[in-house]
Amino acid sequence: MEKREVPRHKCFLRAFVYFEGRSTAVDCVVRDISSLGARLAFVSTAYIPDTFELTFDSAHTLRPCRVAWRTDTQIGVEFQGTTFRPAA
């Protein structure tokens, strides 16, 4: 049974996670997405922090995220804020 407020749409989109003051970037695949969150696939989630920024466009815009759940290779995130913000 689906418990999300907004249904997610399946996709296969390359993205990057930035953390540690944008000094570290890790690539991932967005497996599904909605306006409120996404499911991200990684080789390993061991070093991904609980908060980070997500980009779909080579860091031209960044989306703050908070981890809602994680497995060894996937993370479910909630988007923080309502819009993407330009990278500084």
C-alpha atoms as a PDB file:
ATOM      1  CA  MET A   1       0.000   0.000   0.000  1.00  0.00           C
ATOM      2  CA  GLU A   2       1.331   3.399  -1.031  1.00  0.00           C
ATOM      3  CA  LYS A   3       1.781   5.712   1.984  1.00  0.00           C
ATOM      4  CA  ARG A   4       3.289   8.747   0.255  1.00  0.00           C
ATOM      5  CA  GLU A   5       1.368  12.023   0.057  1.00  0.00           C
ATOM      6  CA  VAL A   6       2.284  12.450  -3.615  1.00  0.00           C
ATOM      7  CA  PRO A   7       2.847   9.486  -5.959  1.00  0.00           C
ATOM      8  CA  ARG A   8       6.352   9.072  -7.337  1.00  0.00           C
ATOM      9  CA  HIS A   9       7.099   8.652 -11.023  1.00  0.00           C
ATOM     10  CA  LYS A  10       9.590   6.023 -12.170  1.00  0.00           C
ATOM     11  CA  CYS A  11      12.648   7.331 -13.966  1.00  0.00           C
ATOM     12  CA  PHE A  12      16.284   6.550 -14.691  1.00  0.00           C
ATOM     13  CA  LEU A  13      18.091   9.871 -14.339  1.00  0.00           C
ATOM     14  CA  ARG A  14      21.758  10.498 -13.531  1.00  0.00           C
ATOM     15  CA  ALA A  15      22.289  12.921 -10.655  1.00  0.00           C
ATOM     16  CA  PHE A  16      24.969  13.987  -8.193  1.00  0.00           C
ATOM     17  CA  VAL A  17      24.936  14.318  -4.414  1.00  0.00           C
ATOM     18  CA  TYR A  18      27.063  17.116  -2.915  1.00  0.00           C
ATOM     19  CA  PHE A  19      28.095  17.286   0.725  1.00  0.00           C
ATOM     20  CA  GLU A  20      30.900  18.517   2.995  1.00  0.00           C
ATOM     21  CA  GLY A  21      30.576  22.082   1.747  1.00  0.00           C
ATOM     22  CA  ARG A  22      30.308  20.869  -1.861  1.00  0.00           C
ATOM     23  CA  SER A  23      33.846  19.490  -1.723  1.00  0.00           C
ATOM     24  CA  THR A  24      32.563  15.932  -2.198  1.00  0.00           C
ATOM     25  CA  ALA A  25      30.334  14.751  -5.052  1.00  0.00           C
ATOM     26  CA  VAL A  26      28.938  11.245  -5.521  1.00  0.00           C
ATOM     27  CA  ASP A  27      27.009  10.163  -8.601  1.00  0.00           C
ATOM     28  CA  CYS A  28      23.738   8.298  -8.289  1.00  0.00           C
ATOM     29  CA  VAL A  29      20.687   7.280 -10.287  1.00  0.00           C
ATOM     30  CA  VAL A  30      17.245   8.693  -9.512  1.00  0.00           C
ATOM     31  CA  ARG A  31      14.909   5.684  -9.698  1.00  0.00           C
ATOM     32  CA  ASP A  32      11.662   7.502  -8.891  1.00  0.00           C
ATOM     33  CA  ILE A  33      10.719  11.075  -8.025  1.00  0.00           C
ATOM     34  CA  SER A  34       7.874  13.328  -6.915  1.00  0.00           C
ATOM     35  CA  SER A  35       7.620  16.958  -5.917  1.00  0.00           C
ATOM     36  CA  LEU A  36       8.313  15.926  -2.294  1.00  0.00           C
ATOM     37  CA  GLY A  37      11.114  13.376  -2.610  1.00  0.00           C
ATOM     38  CA  ALA A  38      12.961  10.707  -4.538  1.00  0.00           C
ATOM     39  CA  ARG A  39      14.542   7.255  -4.399  1.00  0.00           C
ATOM     40  CA  LEU A  40      18.245   7.337  -5.227  1.00  0.00           C
ATOM     41  CA  ALA A  41      20.430   4.347  -6.128  1.00  0.00           C
ATOM     42  CA  PHE A  42      24.159   4.212  -5.280  1.00  0.00           C
ATOM     43  CA  VAL A  43      26.964   1.670  -5.455  1.00  0.00           C
ATOM     44  CA  SER A  44      27.024   2.018  -1.642  1.00  0.00           C
ATOM     45  CA  THR A  45      25.241   4.371   0.754  1.00  0.00           C
ATOM     46  CA  ALA A  46      27.802   3.842   3.539  1.00  0.00           C
ATOM     47  CA  TYR A  47      29.385   7.299   3.174  1.00  0.00           C
ATOM     48  CA  ILE A  48      26.317   9.338   2.245  1.00  0.00           C
ATOM     49  CA  PRO A  49      25.359  11.723   5.098  1.00  0.00           C
ATOM     50  CA  ASP A  50      21.806  12.269   6.354  1.00  0.00           C
ATOM     51  CA  THR A  51      21.599  15.690   4.680  1.00  0.00           C
ATOM     52  CA  PHE A  52      23.031  16.743   1.337  1.00  0.00           C
ATOM     53  CA  GLU A  53      22.297  18.632  -1.869  1.00  0.00           C
ATOM     54  CA  LEU A  54      21.102  16.914  -5.048  1.00  0.00           C
ATOM     55  CA  THR A  55      21.644  18.184  -8.601  1.00  0.00           C
ATOM     56  CA  PHE A  56      20.376  16.975 -11.963  1.00  0.00           C
ATOM     57  CA  ASP A  57      22.184  19.598 -14.040  1.00  0.00           C
ATOM     58  CA  SER A  58      25.896  19.565 -13.139  1.00  0.00           C
ATOM     59  CA  ALA A  59      25.361  21.714 -10.025  1.00  0.00           C
ATOM     60  CA  HIS A  60      23.717  24.664 -11.779  1.00  0.00           C
ATOM     61  CA  THR A  61      20.827  24.183  -9.351  1.00  0.00           C
ATOM     62  CA  LEU A  62      20.851  22.295  -6.061  1.00  0.00           C
ATOM     63  CA  ARG A  63      18.045  20.679  -4.081  1.00  0.00           C
ATOM     64  CA  PRO A  64      18.563  20.285  -0.299  1.00  0.00           C
ATOM     65  CA  CYS A  65      17.622  16.747   0.820  1.00  0.00           C
ATOM     66  CA  ARG A  66      17.130  14.830   4.055  1.00  0.00           C
ATOM     67  CA  VAL A  67      17.403  11.036   4.180  1.00  0.00           C
ATOM     68  CA  ALA A  68      14.099   9.389   5.169  1.00  0.00           C
ATOM     69  CA  TRP A  69      15.319   5.771   4.838  1.00  0.00           C
ATOM     70  CA  ARG A  70      18.316   3.859   3.509  1.00  0.00           C
ATOM     71  CA  THR A  71      19.498   0.409   2.495  1.00  0.00           C
ATOM     72  CA  ASP A  72      22.987  -0.673   1.415  1.00  0.00           C
ATOM     73  CA  THR A  73      22.430   0.652  -2.125  1.00  0.00           C
ATOM     74  CA  GLN A  74      19.393   2.987  -2.029  1.00  0.00           C
ATOM     75  CA  ILE A  75      18.259   6.084  -0.179  1.00  0.00           C
ATOM     76  CA  GLY A  76      14.815   7.635   0.045  1.00  0.00           C
ATOM     77  CA  VAL A  77      14.996  11.420   0.428  1.00  0.00           C
ATOM     78  CA  GLU A  78      12.608  14.193   1.326  1.00  0.00           C
ATOM     79  CA  PHE A  79      13.241  17.466  -0.456  1.00  0.00           C
ATOM     80  CA  GLN A  80      13.762  20.341   1.964  1.00  0.00           C
ATOM     81  CA  GLY A  81      12.196  23.556   0.747  1.00  0.00           C
ATOM     82  CA  THR A  82       9.879  23.964  -2.185  1.00  0.00           C
ATOM     83  CA  THR A  83      12.136  24.867  -5.099  1.00  0.00           C
ATOM     84  CA  PHE A  84      15.573  24.280  -6.522  1.00  0.00           C
ATOM     85  CA  ARG A  85      18.013  27.053  -5.752  1.00  0.00           C
ATOM     86  CA  PRO A  86      20.808  28.337  -7.966  1.00  0.00           C
ATOM     87  CA  ALA A  87      24.283  27.209  -7.003  1.00  0.00           C
ATOM     88  CA  ALA A  88      26.460  29.976  -5.630  1.00  0.00           C
END
